[in-house]
Amino acid sequence: MIVNINGSLTSSSQTILSYSDSLLNTTALIEEQILFNGFECETFEAHYFSIMASMRIFRRSIPMGYTPEFLLDEIRKTIEGNKLHQEILVYFYSGIDFSGTPIFYIRVRPLDTDHFRIQSIDTIDVFKDFYWHSDYLSGIRVKPLPVQVVAQAYCADHAYSDCILINERKEIVMSLNGFIFLRFGQTIKTPSESSGVYREVLRGRIIELIKGIESFDFEETSLNPFDIQRADEFLVISPDRGLFAVSNYRKTTYKNEVQNLVQHKLKDLI
């Protein structure tokens, strides 16, 4: 795998992995996930403004050279370096080095043609040891986040493949695997941005696609753990990991009425 570190293409050898690990341990890396079809991305402009906005919120200086054309060329260079031509997920990280100078780090991953196949989460639980914060800053995808690290350990300890993160108001935010969508009868609901869920271009696109499902209403709203038990269907969607249908939460067993319709819509994400 070829990665791009500040414009230089390099193999992701142990040396480079150690370098990237050192960055993860010394500065927050802002992550933007971008879907490409070959060398093209119809929504790249929206992703570019998302990256710039996140850097400003973190009070980082933005180099004059960080133009849309420059960053797009660097991503395409990384895709070409990996000889990829199909659907691709690009991970764009912006951070600072030890001297405070802005840096970027790009890695790419080819997606299978059935990336959004329906996967199963047998049982899920609410992680209550620590809370996700609902402030504006929490809506930016940053690595690493301690609450996610501890929640992953919680899942491992209890043999869960996923768990639900809640904020300080005990509202549902998202799961470790991705964004949460609950169906109540003919209405599909997802946590609103005020919960602290990631404000991302791809989340917005997923929501727009699901809104297009006929015969179902859609709401972005406040949800709590009791709503999980009242829901008829429970889906988790991630551009990175795909589509998951949750089978059980405590004494609730979920149906699967809308999952195939959602899967069909997600084919238009790229």
Foldseek 3Di string as FASTA:
>chain_A
DWKAKQRDIDDCDPVVVVVVVVQLVPKKKFKAKAKDAFLDGPCLVVSLVVVVVLCVVVVADDDPPSDSVVVSVSQNVQCVVVVDRGIKIKIKIWIADPVRHIMIMIDMDDADLVLQPEAEFAEEEADDPDAQALDPNLQTDIPDDVVLVVQVVVCVVVVGPKYFHFHPVQWTAAMSQAWKWFAQPQEIEGAASSRSHHPHPLVVVLQVLVCPDPSHHYYHHTHHPVVVQNTQWMWGADPVRHIYTYQDYVPHGHDDDCSVVSSVSCSPSD
